[in-house]
Protein backbone atom coordinates (compact mmCIF):
# COMPACT_ATOMS: atom_id res chain seq x y z
CA UNK A 1 0.00 0.00 0.00
CA UNK A 2 2.77 2.42 0.92
CA UNK A 3 4.71 1.50 -2.22
CA UNK A 4 1.64 2.22 -4.36
CA UNK A 5 1.29 5.66 -2.79
CA UNK A 6 4.98 6.36 -3.37
CA UNK A 7 4.59 5.41 -7.03
CA UNK A 8 1.60 7.70 -7.33
CA UNK A 9 3.56 10.57 -5.77
CA UNK A 10 6.45 9.92 -8.15
CA UNK A 11 4.08 9.89 -11.12
CA UNK A 12 2.44 13.08 -9.90
CA UNK A 13 5.83 14.80 -9.58
CA UNK A 14 6.79 13.60 -13.04
CA UNK A 15 3.50 14.89 -14.46
CA UNK A 16 4.07 18.29 -12.83
CA UNK A 17 7.55 18.45 -14.35
CA UNK A 18 6.22 17.58 -17.80
CA UNK A 19 3.54 20.27 -17.55
CA UNK A 20 6.15 22.84 -16.50
CA UNK A 21 8.29 22.00 -19.53
CA UNK A 22 5.24 22.17 -21.81
CA UNK A 23 4.29 25.62 -20.46
CA UNK A 24 7.83 26.93 -20.88
CA UNK A 25 8.07 25.54 -24.41
CA UNK A 26 4.71 27.07 -25.32
CA UNK A 27 5.72 30.44 -23.87
CA UNK A 28 9.02 30.33 -25.78
CA UNK A 29 7.21 29.56 -29.02
CA UNK A 30 4.77 32.44 -28.45
CA UNK A 31 7.68 34.79 -27.68
CA UNK A 32 9.48 33.61 -30.82
CA UNK A 33 6.35 34.20 -32.94
CA UNK A 34 5.91 37.70 -31.54
CA UNK A 35 9.58 38.55 -32.16
CA UNK A 36 9.39 37.29 -35.75
CA UNK A 37 6.18 39.21 -36.37
CA UNK A 38 7.72 42.37 -34.94
CA UNK A 39 10.78 41.95 -37.17
CA UNK A 40 8.57 41.56 -40.24
CA UNK A 41 6.40 44.53 -39.30
CA UNK A 42 9.51 46.63 -38.65
CA UNK A 43 10.99 45.63 -42.00
CA UNK A 44 7.74 46.46 -43.80
CA UNK A 45 7.62 49.80 -41.99
CA UNK A 46 11.18 50.63 -43.01
CA UNK A 47 10.52 49.63 -46.62
CA UNK A 48 7.36 51.71 -46.67
CA UNK A 49 9.29 54.68 -45.25
CA UNK A 50 12.10 54.33 -47.79
CA UNK A 51 9.59 54.12 -50.63
CA UNK A 52 7.93 57.29 -49.40
CA UNK A 53 11.32 59.03 -49.17
CA UNK A 54 12.19 58.16 -52.78
CA UNK A 55 8.82 59.17 -54.19
């Protein structure tokens, strides 16, 4: 009985660790997406500005 509870606690700890890694990975992917989008928007803004300056 005690061994079963210990196994459950170990599984619970493992599950918590997996969820933490999943959250961090998801947050990193969101941050990466936002950074890429900002780079593209900044590039488009600069190109738009340079086109306006040459016109």
